[in-house]
Amino acid sequence: QVQLVESGGGLVQPGGSLKLSCVASGFDFGSHGMSWVRQPPGRDLEWVALINSDGRNTDYSMSVKGRFTVSRDNAKNTLYLHMNNVKSDDSAVYYCAKGSQRGQGTQVTVSS
């Protein structure tokens, strides 16, 4: 059974940084590409970033490119999202995803 558990969210000031983590279990983590998606309040789910199985290839949405970095540690079955220079528009519930499967999410609120 696939389990994805996100953590690391919280309140952060504009221009600040935050690191999200996602611990995966129930499948061969190192064999699968993974994604981060987010859902801002009152809006649809939107894709943020993806990383391939060995971590060598990544891609980002235009809204976060240059500010966010996705990485993974396959030995720890953990996916990360490093968020830098955050903006109010980054406020959302963030989910890690394996295909269409997501965890419970972690709330990120950007506010002064």
PDB file of N, CA and C in Angstrom:
ATOM      1  N   GLN A   1       0.843  -1.186   0.000  1.00  0.00           N
ATOM      2  CA  GLN A   1       0.000   0.000   0.000  1.00  0.00           C
ATOM      3  C   GLN A   1       0.886   1.247   0.000  1.00  0.00           C
ATOM      4  N   VAL A   2       0.671   2.087  -0.992  1.00  0.00           N
ATOM      5  CA  VAL A   2       1.462   3.305  -1.104  1.00  0.00           C
ATOM      6  C   VAL A   2       1.111   4.263   0.029  1.00  0.00           C
ATOM      7  N   GLN A   3       2.152   4.753   0.705  1.00  0.00           N
ATOM      8  CA  GLN A   3       1.962   5.797   1.721  1.00  0.00           C
ATOM      9  C   GLN A   3       2.944   6.920   1.450  1.00  0.00           C
ATOM     10  N   LEU A   4       2.428   8.134   1.482  1.00  0.00           N
ATOM     11  CA  LEU A   4       3.245   9.329   1.280  1.00  0.00           C
ATOM     12  C   LEU A   4       2.923  10.290   2.416  1.00  0.00           C
ATOM     13  N   VAL A   5       3.927  10.650   3.199  1.00  0.00           N
ATOM     14  CA  VAL A   5       3.707  11.487   4.373  1.00  0.00           C
ATOM     15  C   VAL A   5       4.555  12.751   4.260  1.00  0.00           C
ATOM     16  N   GLU A   6       3.876  13.873   4.031  1.00  0.00           N
ATOM     17  CA  GLU A   6       4.561  15.157   3.891  1.00  0.00           C
ATOM     18  C   GLU A   6       4.723  15.840   5.252  1.00  0.00           C
ATOM     19  N   SER A   7       5.751  16.657   5.346  1.00  0.00           N
ATOM     20  CA  SER A   7       5.979  17.452   6.551  1.00  0.00           C
ATOM     21  C   SER A   7       6.823  18.666   6.194  1.00  0.00           C
ATOM     22  N   GLY A   8       6.926  19.591   7.138  1.00  0.00           N
ATOM     23  CA  GLY A   8       7.792  20.748   6.953  1.00  0.00           C
ATOM     24  C   GLY A   8       7.089  22.042   6.640  1.00  0.00           C
ATOM     25  N   GLY A   9       5.791  21.987   6.454  1.00  0.00           N
ATOM     26  CA  GLY A   9       5.046  23.209   6.168  1.00  0.00           C
ATOM     27  C   GLY A   9       4.969  24.111   7.379  1.00  0.00           C
ATOM     28  N   GLY A  10       4.444  25.301   7.160  1.00  0.00           N
ATOM     29  CA  GLY A  10       4.292  26.256   8.252  1.00  0.00           C
ATOM     30  C   GLY A  10       4.113  27.654   7.732  1.00  0.00           C
ATOM     31  N   LEU A  11       4.281  28.610   8.636  1.00  0.00           N
ATOM     32  CA  LEU A  11       4.166  30.023   8.295  1.00  0.00           C
ATOM     33  C   LEU A  11       5.560  30.569   7.993  1.00  0.00           C
ATOM     34  N   VAL A  12       5.684  31.237   6.875  1.00  0.00           N
ATOM     35  CA  VAL A  12       6.982  31.803   6.474  1.00  0.00           C
ATOM     36  C   VAL A  12       6.743  33.189   5.893  1.00  0.00           C
ATOM     37  N   GLN A  13       7.675  34.098   6.129  1.00  0.00           N
ATOM     38  CA  GLN A  13       7.547  35.455   5.610  1.00  0.00           C
ATOM     39  C   GLN A  13       7.913  35.519   4.136  1.00  0.00           C
ATOM     40  N   PRO A  14       7.351  36.446   3.411  1.00  0.00           N
ATOM     41  CA  PRO A  14       7.763  36.632   2.008  1.00  0.00           C
ATOM     42  C   PRO A  14       9.272  36.814   1.915  1.00  0.00           C
ATOM     43  N   GLY A  15       9.845  36.132   0.938  1.00  0.00           N
ATOM     44  CA  GLY A  15      11.296  36.174   0.775  1.00  0.00           C
ATOM     45  C   GLY A  15      12.032  35.128   1.578  1.00  0.00           C
ATOM     46  N   GLY A  16      11.316  34.428   2.431  1.00  0.00           N
ATOM     47  CA  GLY A  16      11.935  33.405   3.275  1.00  0.00           C
ATOM     48  C   GLY A  16      12.082  32.063   2.576  1.00  0.00           C
ATOM     49  N   SER A  17      12.517  31.082   3.364  1.00  0.00           N
ATOM     50  CA  SER A  17      12.767  29.737   2.838  1.00  0.00           C
ATOM     51  C   SER A  17      12.084  28.694   3.701  1.00  0.00           C
ATOM     52  N   LEU A  18      11.827  27.568   3.063  1.00  0.00           N
ATOM     53  CA  LEU A  18      11.190  26.452   3.758  1.00  0.00           C
ATOM     54  C   LEU A  18      11.615  25.178   3.046  1.00  0.00           C
ATOM     55  N   LYS A  19      11.727  24.089   3.793  1.00  0.00           N
ATOM     56  CA  LYS A  19      12.068  22.794   3.193  1.00  0.00           C
ATOM     57  C   LYS A  19      10.987  21.791   3.551  1.00  0.00           C
ATOM     58  N   LEU A  20      10.359  21.250   2.528  1.00  0.00           N
ATOM     59  CA  LEU A  20       9.345  20.225   2.704  1.00  0.00           C
ATOM     60  C   LEU A  20       9.963  18.850   2.498  1.00  0.00           C
ATOM     61  N   SER A  21       9.436  17.876   3.215  1.00  0.00           N
ATOM     62  CA  SER A  21       9.885  16.490   3.078  1.00  0.00           C
ATOM     63  C   SER A  21       8.684  15.589   2.854  1.00  0.00           C
ATOM     64  N   CYS A  22       8.941  14.465   2.204  1.00  0.00           N
ATOM     65  CA  CYS A  22       7.905  13.461   1.975  1.00  0.00           C
ATOM     66  C   CYS A  22       8.543  12.091   2.115  1.00  0.00           C
ATOM     67  N   VAL A  23       8.099  11.356   3.119  1.00  0.00           N
ATOM     68  CA  VAL A  23       8.611   9.998   3.319  1.00  0.00           C
ATOM     69  C   VAL A  23       7.655   9.021   2.653  1.00  0.00           C
ATOM     70  N   ALA A  24       8.204   8.187   1.796  1.00  0.00           N
ATOM     71  CA  ALA A  24       7.412   7.242   1.022  1.00  0.00           C
ATOM     72  C   ALA A  24       7.595   5.824   1.539  1.00  0.00           C
ATOM     73  N   SER A  25       6.545   5.016   1.411  1.00  0.00           N
ATOM     74  CA  SER A  25       6.626   3.607   1.769  1.00  0.00           C
ATOM     75  C   SER A  25       5.596   2.833   0.967  1.00  0.00           C
ATOM     76  N   GLY A  26       5.759   1.529   0.942  1.00  0.00           N
ATOM     77  CA  GLY A  26       4.787   0.674   0.274  1.00  0.00           C
ATOM     78  C   GLY A  26       5.059   0.420  -1.192  1.00  0.00           C
ATOM     79  N   PHE A  27       6.144   0.954  -1.697  1.00  0.00           N
ATOM     80  CA  PHE A  27       6.521   0.708  -3.082  1.00  0.00           C
ATOM     81  C   PHE A  27       8.029   0.935  -3.216  1.00  0.00           C
ATOM     82  N   ASP A  28       8.578   0.570  -4.363  1.00  0.00           N
ATOM     83  CA  ASP A  28      10.002   0.729  -4.615  1.00  0.00           C
ATOM     84  C   ASP A  28      10.280   2.173  -5.006  1.00  0.00           C
ATOM     85  N   PHE A  29      10.509   3.010  -4.006  1.00  0.00           N
ATOM     86  CA  PHE A  29      10.647   4.452  -4.202  1.00  0.00           C
ATOM     87  C   PHE A  29      11.691   4.801  -5.259  1.00  0.00           C
ATOM     88  N   GLY A  30      12.820   4.149  -5.216  1.00  0.00           N
ATOM     89  CA  GLY A  30      13.919   4.488  -6.110  1.00  0.00           C
ATOM     90  C   GLY A  30      13.682   4.146  -7.564  1.00  0.00           C
ATOM     91  N   SER A  31      12.572   3.501  -7.869  1.00  0.00           N
ATOM     92  CA  SER A  31      12.265   3.127  -9.241  1.00  0.00           C
ATOM     93  C   SER A  31      11.222   4.036  -9.879  1.00  0.00           C
ATOM     94  N   HIS A  32      10.772   5.046  -9.146  1.00  0.00           N
ATOM     95  CA  HIS A  32       9.670   5.869  -9.640  1.00  0.00           C
ATOM     96  C   HIS A  32      10.003   7.352  -9.645  1.00  0.00           C
ATOM     97  N   GLY A  33       9.614   8.033 -10.705  1.00  0.00           N
ATOM     98  CA  GLY A  33       9.634   9.482 -10.684  1.00  0.00           C
ATOM     99  C   GLY A  33       8.586   9.981  -9.710  1.00  0.00           C
ATOM    100  N   MET A  34       8.849  11.143  -9.141  1.00  0.00           N
ATOM    101  CA  MET A  34       7.946  11.714  -8.146  1.00  0.00           C
ATOM    102  C   MET A  34       7.691  13.183  -8.469  1.00  0.00           C
ATOM    103  N   SER A  35       6.604  13.682  -7.937  1.00  0.00           N
ATOM    104  CA  SER A  35       6.230  15.066  -8.183  1.00  0.00           C
ATOM    105  C   SER A  35       5.817  15.757  -6.893  1.00  0.00           C
ATOM    106  N   TRP A  36       5.865  17.070  -6.945  1.00  0.00           N
ATOM    107  CA  TRP A  36       5.204  17.911  -5.947  1.00  0.00           C
ATOM    108  C   TRP A  36       4.076  18.651  -6.663  1.00  0.00           C
ATOM    109  N   VAL A  37       2.933  18.686  -6.036  1.00  0.00           N
ATOM    110  CA  VAL A  37       1.803  19.464  -6.532  1.00  0.00           C
ATOM    111  C   VAL A  37       1.287  20.300  -5.367  1.00  0.00           C
ATOM    112  N   ARG A  38       0.501  21.321  -5.668  1.00  0.00           N
ATOM    113  CA  ARG A  38      -0.030  22.158  -4.593  1.00  0.00           C
ATOM    114  C   ARG A  38      -1.442  22.613  -4.921  1.00  0.00           C
ATOM    115  N   GLN A  39      -2.181  22.955  -3.884  1.00  0.00           N
ATOM    116  CA  GLN A  39      -3.521  23.473  -4.073  1.00  0.00           C
ATOM    117  C   GLN A  39      -3.686  24.743  -3.263  1.00  0.00           C
ATOM    118  N   PRO A  40      -3.644  25.883  -3.938  1.00  0.00           N
ATOM    119  CA  PRO A  40      -3.864  27.150  -3.239  1.00  0.00           C
ATOM    120  C   PRO A  40      -5.306  27.235  -2.766  1.00  0.00           C
ATOM    121  N   PRO A  41      -5.596  28.049  -1.773  1.00  0.00           N
ATOM    122  CA  PRO A  41      -6.972  28.148  -1.269  1.00  0.00           C
ATOM    123  C   PRO A  41      -7.939  28.581  -2.364  1.00  0.00           C
ATOM    124  N   GLY A  42      -9.000  27.819  -2.524  1.00  0.00           N
ATOM    125  CA  GLY A  42     -10.042  28.149  -3.488  1.00  0.00           C
ATOM    126  C   GLY A  42      -9.676  27.892  -4.939  1.00  0.00           C
ATOM    127  N   ARG A  43      -8.544  27.238  -5.155  1.00  0.00           N
ATOM    128  CA  ARG A  43      -8.109  27.013  -6.531  1.00  0.00           C
ATOM    129  C   ARG A  43      -7.856  25.535  -6.791  1.00  0.00           C
ATOM    130  N   ASP A  44      -7.654  25.206  -8.058  1.00  0.00           N
ATOM    131  CA  ASP A  44      -7.419  23.820  -8.438  1.00  0.00           C
ATOM    132  C   ASP A  44      -6.007  23.381  -8.094  1.00  0.00           C
ATOM    133  N   LEU A  45      -5.837  22.068  -8.103  1.00  0.00           N
ATOM    134  CA  LEU A  45      -4.517  21.493  -7.904  1.00  0.00           C
ATOM    135  C   LEU A  45      -3.609  21.914  -9.050  1.00  0.00           C
ATOM    136  N   GLU A  46      -2.357  22.263  -8.732  1.00  0.00           N
ATOM    137  CA  GLU A  46      -1.414  22.627  -9.789  1.00  0.00           C
ATOM    138  C   GLU A  46      -0.076  21.927  -9.566  1.00  0.00           C
ATOM    139  N   TRP A  47       0.514  21.546 -10.664  1.00  0.00           N
ATOM    140  CA  TRP A  47       1.801  20.859 -10.629  1.00  0.00           C
ATOM    141  C   TRP A  47       2.908  21.868 -10.313  1.00  0.00           C
ATOM    142  N   VAL A  48       3.876  21.429  -9.499  1.00  0.00           N
ATOM    143  CA  VAL A  48       4.973  22.308  -9.090  1.00  0.00           C
ATOM    144  C   VAL A  48       6.314  21.840  -9.650  1.00  0.00           C
ATOM    145  N   ALA A  49       6.634  20.554  -9.431  1.00  0.00           N
ATOM    146  CA  ALA A  49       7.960  20.070  -9.827  1.00  0.00           C
ATOM    147  C   ALA A  49       7.923  18.561  -9.967  1.00  0.00           C
ATOM    148  N   LEU A  50       8.851  18.038 -10.745  1.00  0.00           N
ATOM    149  CA  LEU A  50       9.006  16.597 -10.829  1.00  0.00           C
ATOM    150  C   LEU A  50      10.483  16.238 -10.864  1.00  0.00           C
ATOM    151  N   ILE A  51      10.751  15.017 -10.484  1.00  0.00           N
ATOM    152  CA  ILE A  51      12.119  14.501 -10.465  1.00  0.00           C
ATOM    153  C   ILE A  51      12.065  13.049 -10.904  1.00  0.00           C
ATOM    154  N   ASN A  52      13.056  12.649 -11.705  1.00  0.00           N
ATOM    155  CA  ASN A  52      13.030  11.265 -12.176  1.00  0.00           C
ATOM    156  C   ASN A  52      13.547  10.326 -11.084  1.00  0.00           C
ATOM    157  N   SER A  53      13.579   9.053 -11.400  1.00  0.00           N
ATOM    158  CA  SER A  53      13.818   8.051 -10.360  1.00  0.00           C
ATOM    159  C   SER A  53      15.196   8.169  -9.704  1.00  0.00           C
ATOM    160  N   ASP A  54      16.217   8.533 -10.478  1.00  0.00           N
ATOM    161  CA  ASP A  54      17.560   8.616  -9.888  1.00  0.00           C
ATOM    162  C   ASP A  54      17.942  10.041  -9.492  1.00  0.00           C
ATOM    163  N   GLY A  55      17.033  10.968  -9.672  1.00  0.00           N
ATOM    164  CA  GLY A  55      17.270  12.334  -9.240  1.00  0.00           C
ATOM    165  C   GLY A  55      18.070  13.195 -10.180  1.00  0.00           C
ATOM    166  N   ARG A  56      18.432  12.659 -11.327  1.00  0.00           N
ATOM    167  CA  ARG A  56      19.311  13.409 -12.227  1.00  0.00           C
ATOM    168  C   ARG A  56      18.554  14.414 -13.093  1.00  0.00           C
ATOM    169  N   ASN A  57      17.274  14.193 -13.266  1.00  0.00           N
ATOM    170  CA  ASN A  57      16.479  15.083 -14.116  1.00  0.00           C
ATOM    171  C   ASN A  57      15.316  15.664 -13.341  1.00  0.00           C
ATOM    172  N   THR A  58      15.159  16.971 -13.470  1.00  0.00           N
ATOM    173  CA  THR A  58      14.075  17.677 -12.785  1.00  0.00           C
ATOM    174  C   THR A  58      13.395  18.639 -13.741  1.00  0.00           C
ATOM    175  N   ASP A  59      12.209  19.044 -13.383  1.00  0.00           N
ATOM    176  CA  ASP A  59      11.479  20.040 -14.159  1.00  0.00           C
ATOM    177  C   ASP A  59      10.572  20.807 -13.199  1.00  0.00           C
ATOM    178  N   TYR A  60      10.293  22.059 -13.575  1.00  0.00           N
ATOM    179  CA  TYR A  60       9.544  22.938 -12.678  1.00  0.00           C
ATOM    180  C   TYR A  60       8.491  23.722 -13.444  1.00  0.00           C
ATOM    181  N   SER A  61       7.439  24.093 -12.758  1.00  0.00           N
ATOM    182  CA  SER A  61       6.481  25.017 -13.343  1.00  0.00           C
ATOM    183  C   SER A  61       7.137  26.396 -13.432  1.00  0.00           C
ATOM    184  N   MET A  62       6.665  27.190 -14.367  1.00  0.00           N
ATOM    185  CA  MET A  62       7.246  28.512 -14.563  1.00  0.00           C
ATOM    186  C   MET A  62       7.113  29.376 -13.316  1.00  0.00           C
ATOM    187  N   SER A  63       6.084  29.131 -12.538  1.00  0.00           N
ATOM    188  CA  SER A  63       5.836  29.975 -11.360  1.00  0.00           C
ATOM    189  C   SER A  63       6.858  29.757 -10.241  1.00  0.00           C
ATOM    190  N   VAL A  64       7.563  28.630 -10.248  1.00  0.00           N
ATOM    191  CA  VAL A  64       8.522  28.354  -9.174  1.00  0.00           C
ATOM    192  C   VAL A  64       9.945  28.179  -9.681  1.00  0.00           C
ATOM    193  N   LYS A  65      10.123  28.124 -10.978  1.00  0.00           N
ATOM    194  CA  LYS A  65      11.442  27.865 -11.540  1.00  0.00           C
ATOM    195  C   LYS A  65      12.425  28.930 -11.087  1.00  0.00           C
ATOM    196  N   GLY A  66      13.582  28.494 -10.629  1.00  0.00           N
ATOM    197  CA  GLY A  66      14.605  29.412 -10.146  1.00  0.00           C
ATOM    198  C   GLY A  66      14.494  29.705  -8.658  1.00  0.00           C
ATOM    199  N   ARG A  67      13.374  29.308  -8.046  1.00  0.00           N
ATOM    200  CA  ARG A  67      13.192  29.548  -6.605  1.00  0.00           C
ATOM    201  C   ARG A  67      13.071  28.244  -5.815  1.00  0.00           C
ATOM    202  N   PHE A  68      12.476  27.219  -6.418  1.00  0.00           N
ATOM    203  CA  PHE A  68      12.282  25.935  -5.747  1.00  0.00           C
ATOM    204  C   PHE A  68      13.253  24.905  -6.325  1.00  0.00           C
ATOM    205  N   THR A  69      13.652  23.955  -5.499  1.00  0.00           N
ATOM    206  CA  THR A  69      14.501  22.851  -5.939  1.00  0.00           C
ATOM    207  C   THR A  69      13.941  21.546  -5.383  1.00  0.00           C
ATOM    208  N   VAL A  70      13.713  20.600  -6.272  1.00  0.00           N
ATOM    209  CA  VAL A  70      13.258  19.273  -5.863  1.00  0.00           C
ATOM    210  C   VAL A  70      14.466  18.341  -5.812  1.00  0.00           C
ATOM    211  N   SER A  71      14.508  17.498  -4.801  1.00  0.00           N
ATOM    212  CA  SER A  71      15.603  16.529  -4.673  1.00  0.00           C
ATOM    213  C   SER A  71      15.059  15.288  -3.982  1.00  0.00           C
ATOM    214  N   ARG A  72      15.872  14.259  -3.952  1.00  0.00           N
ATOM    215  CA  ARG A  72      15.455  13.017  -3.318  1.00  0.00           C
ATOM    216  C   ARG A  72      16.645  12.285  -2.746  1.00  0.00           C
ATOM    217  N   ASP A  73      16.366  11.485  -1.716  1.00  0.00           N
ATOM    218  CA  ASP A  73      17.362  10.592  -1.130  1.00  0.00           C
ATOM    219  C   ASP A  73      16.748   9.199  -1.173  1.00  0.00           C
ATOM    220  N   ASN A  74      17.126   8.423  -2.171  1.00  0.00           N
ATOM    221  CA  ASN A  74      16.516   7.102  -2.353  1.00  0.00           C
ATOM    222  C   ASN A  74      16.878   6.143  -1.219  1.00  0.00           C
ATOM    223  N   ALA A  75      18.002   6.358  -0.571  1.00  0.00           N
ATOM    224  CA  ALA A  75      18.383   5.515   0.564  1.00  0.00           C
ATOM    225  C   ALA A  75      17.440   5.727   1.747  1.00  0.00           C
ATOM    226  N   LYS A  76      16.835   6.920   1.809  1.00  0.00           N
ATOM    227  CA  LYS A  76      15.926   7.246   2.900  1.00  0.00           C
ATOM    228  C   LYS A  76      14.464   7.262   2.463  1.00  0.00           C
ATOM    229  N   ASN A  77      14.222   6.892   1.193  1.00  0.00           N
ATOM    230  CA  ASN A  77      12.848   6.908   0.659  1.00  0.00           C
ATOM    231  C   ASN A  77      12.180   8.258   0.887  1.00  0.00           C
ATOM    232  N   THR A  78      12.931   9.317   0.655  1.00  0.00           N
ATOM    233  CA  THR A  78      12.443  10.657   0.977  1.00  0.00           C
ATOM    234  C   THR A  78      12.601  11.609  -0.194  1.00  0.00           C
ATOM    235  N   LEU A  79      11.561  12.380  -0.419  1.00  0.00           N
ATOM    236  CA  LEU A  79      11.512  13.419  -1.438  1.00  0.00           C
ATOM    237  C   LEU A  79      11.528  14.771  -0.726  1.00  0.00           C
ATOM    238  N   TYR A  80      12.191  15.747  -1.330  1.00  0.00           N
ATOM    239  CA  TYR A  80      12.297  17.073  -0.715  1.00  0.00           C
ATOM    240  C   TYR A  80      11.850  18.161  -1.694  1.00  0.00           C
ATOM    241  N   LEU A  81      11.417  19.268  -1.127  1.00  0.00           N
ATOM    242  CA  LEU A  81      11.184  20.474  -1.920  1.00  0.00           C
ATOM    243  C   LEU A  81      11.771  21.642  -1.132  1.00  0.00           C
ATOM    244  N   HIS A  82      12.835  22.220  -1.694  1.00  0.00           N
ATOM    245  CA  HIS A  82      13.461  23.375  -1.079  1.00  0.00           C
ATOM    246  C   HIS A  82      12.838  24.619  -1.706  1.00  0.00           C
ATOM    247  N   MET A  83      12.236  25.429  -0.863  1.00  0.00           N
ATOM    248  CA  MET A  83      11.516  26.609  -1.337  1.00  0.00           C
ATOM    249  C   MET A  83      12.271  27.856  -0.885  1.00  0.00           C
ATOM    250  N   ASN A  84      12.715  28.643  -1.838  1.00  0.00           N
ATOM    251  CA  ASN A  84      13.444  29.871  -1.531  1.00  0.00           C
ATOM    252  C   ASN A  84      12.688  31.067  -2.096  1.00  0.00           C
ATOM    253  N   ASN A  85      12.938  32.231  -1.501  1.00  0.00           N
ATOM    254  CA  ASN A  85      12.322  33.474  -1.972  1.00  0.00           C
ATOM    255  C   ASN A  85      10.812  33.303  -2.178  1.00  0.00           C
ATOM    256  N   VAL A  86      10.152  32.791  -1.165  1.00  0.00           N
ATOM    257  CA  VAL A  86       8.731  32.480  -1.306  1.00  0.00           C
ATOM    258  C   VAL A  86       7.904  33.751  -1.435  1.00  0.00           C
ATOM    259  N   LYS A  87       6.767  33.597  -2.103  1.00  0.00           N
ATOM    260  CA  LYS A  87       5.852  34.701  -2.333  1.00  0.00           C
ATOM    261  C   LYS A  87       4.479  34.324  -1.787  1.00  0.00           C
ATOM    262  N   SER A  88       3.614  35.314  -1.662  1.00  0.00           N
ATOM    263  CA  SER A  88       2.278  35.037  -1.125  1.00  0.00           C
ATOM    264  C   SER A  88       1.530  34.035  -2.013  1.00  0.00           C
ATOM    265  N   ASP A  89       1.788  34.065  -3.308  1.00  0.00           N
ATOM    266  CA  ASP A  89       1.128  33.131  -4.227  1.00  0.00           C
ATOM    267  C   ASP A  89       1.569  31.681  -4.014  1.00  0.00           C
ATOM    268  N   ASP A  90       2.618  31.477  -3.230  1.00  0.00           N
ATOM    269  CA  ASP A  90       3.067  30.113  -2.939  1.00  0.00           C
ATOM    270  C   ASP A  90       2.270  29.486  -1.801  1.00  0.00           C
ATOM    271  N   SER A  91       1.424  30.256  -1.143  1.00  0.00           N
ATOM    272  CA  SER A  91       0.593  29.709  -0.069  1.00  0.00           C
ATOM    273  C   SER A  91      -0.327  28.640  -0.645  1.00  0.00           C
ATOM    274  N   ALA A  92      -0.276  27.454  -0.054  1.00  0.00           N
ATOM    275  CA  ALA A  92      -1.057  26.326  -0.575  1.00  0.00           C
ATOM    276  C   ALA A  92      -0.839  25.120   0.330  1.00  0.00           C
ATOM    277  N   VAL A  93      -1.644  24.092   0.089  1.00  0.00           N
ATOM    278  CA  VAL A  93      -1.345  22.777   0.654  1.00  0.00           C
ATOM    279  C   VAL A  93      -0.468  22.068  -0.371  1.00  0.00           C
ATOM    280  N   TYR A  94       0.667  21.605   0.072  1.00  0.00           N
ATOM    281  CA  TYR A  94       1.632  20.942  -0.811  1.00  0.00           C
ATOM    282  C   TYR A  94       1.561  19.428  -0.601  1.00  0.00           C
ATOM    283  N   TYR A  95       1.536  18.721  -1.726  1.00  0.00           N
ATOM    284  CA  TYR A  95       1.462  17.268  -1.722  1.00  0.00           C
ATOM    285  C   TYR A  95       2.623  16.689  -2.521  1.00  0.00           C
ATOM    286  N   CYS A  96       3.174  15.596  -2.045  1.00  0.00           N
ATOM    287  CA  CYS A  96       4.038  14.821  -2.927  1.00  0.00           C
ATOM    288  C   CYS A  96       3.152  13.783  -3.600  1.00  0.00           C
ATOM    289  N   ALA A  97       3.551  13.394  -4.790  1.00  0.00           N
ATOM    290  CA  ALA A  97       2.698  12.529  -5.597  1.00  0.00           C
ATOM    291  C   ALA A  97       3.499  11.489  -6.341  1.00  0.00           C
ATOM    292  N   LYS A  98       2.938  10.305  -6.375  1.00  0.00           N
ATOM    293  CA  LYS A  98       3.411   9.209  -7.240  1.00  0.00           C
ATOM    294  C   LYS A  98       2.270   8.987  -8.215  1.00  0.00           C
ATOM    295  N   GLY A  99       2.440   9.492  -9.403  1.00  0.00           N
ATOM    296  CA  GLY A  99       1.330   9.463 -10.334  1.00  0.00           C
ATOM    297  C   GLY A  99       0.152  10.243  -9.768  1.00  0.00           C
ATOM    298  N   SER A 100      -0.995   9.616  -9.701  1.00  0.00           N
ATOM    299  CA  SER A 100      -2.180  10.279  -9.176  1.00  0.00           C
ATOM    300  C   SER A 100      -2.348  10.102  -7.665  1.00  0.00           C
ATOM    301  N   GLN A 101      -1.443   9.375  -7.053  1.00  0.00           N
ATOM    302  CA  GLN A 101      -1.533   9.130  -5.615  1.00  0.00           C
ATOM    303  C   GLN A 101      -0.822  10.221  -4.848  1.00  0.00           C
ATOM    304  N   ARG A 102      -1.476  10.754  -3.818  1.00  0.00           N
ATOM    305  CA  ARG A 102      -0.915  11.838  -3.029  1.00  0.00           C
ATOM    306  C   ARG A 102      -0.981  11.527  -1.543  1.00  0.00           C
ATOM    307  N   GLY A 103      -0.156  12.242  -0.781  1.00  0.00           N
ATOM    308  CA  GLY A 103      -0.252  12.136   0.660  1.00  0.00           C
ATOM    309  C   GLY A 103      -1.339  13.038   1.208  1.00  0.00           C
ATOM    310  N   GLN A 104      -1.265  13.314   2.508  1.00  0.00           N
ATOM    311  CA  GLN A 104      -2.295  14.140   3.151  1.00  0.00           C
ATOM    312  C   GLN A 104      -1.992  15.625   2.997  1.00  0.00           C
ATOM    313  N   GLY A 105      -0.767  15.933   2.602  1.00  0.00           N
ATOM    314  CA  GLY A 105      -0.400  17.320   2.352  1.00  0.00           C
ATOM    315  C   GLY A 105       0.153  18.030   3.572  1.00  0.00           C
ATOM    316  N   THR A 106       0.851  19.131   3.320  1.00  0.00           N
ATOM    317  CA  THR A 106       1.355  19.986   4.381  1.00  0.00           C
ATOM    318  C   THR A 106       1.097  21.436   3.990  1.00  0.00           C
ATOM    319  N   GLN A 107       0.580  22.214   4.917  1.00  0.00           N
ATOM    320  CA  GLN A 107       0.164  23.580   4.640  1.00  0.00           C
ATOM    321  C   GLN A 107       1.351  24.532   4.677  1.00  0.00           C
ATOM    322  N   VAL A 108       1.463  25.337   3.642  1.00  0.00           N
ATOM    323  CA  VAL A 108       2.454  26.405   3.608  1.00  0.00           C
ATOM    324  C   VAL A 108       1.712  27.737   3.508  1.00  0.00           C
ATOM    325  N   THR A 109       1.995  28.625   4.428  1.00  0.00           N
ATOM    326  CA  THR A 109       1.377  29.946   4.417  1.00  0.00           C
ATOM    327  C   THR A 109       2.478  30.998   4.375  1.00  0.00           C
ATOM    328  N   VAL A 110       2.430  31.825   3.352  1.00  0.00           N
ATOM    329  CA  VAL A 110       3.416  32.895   3.199  1.00  0.00           C
ATOM    330  C   VAL A 110       2.738  34.208   3.569  1.00  0.00           C
ATOM    331  N   SER A 111       3.194  34.793   4.652  1.00  0.00           N
ATOM    332  CA  SER A 111       2.563  36.020   5.131  1.00  0.00           C
ATOM    333  C   SER A 111       3.510  36.754   6.059  1.00  0.00           C
ATOM    334  N   SER A 112       3.418  38.074   6.037  1.00  0.00           N
ATOM    335  CA  SER A 112       4.223  38.876   6.951  1.00  0.00           C
ATOM    336  C   SER A 112       3.435  39.161   8.222  1.00  0.00           C
TER     337      SER A 112
END
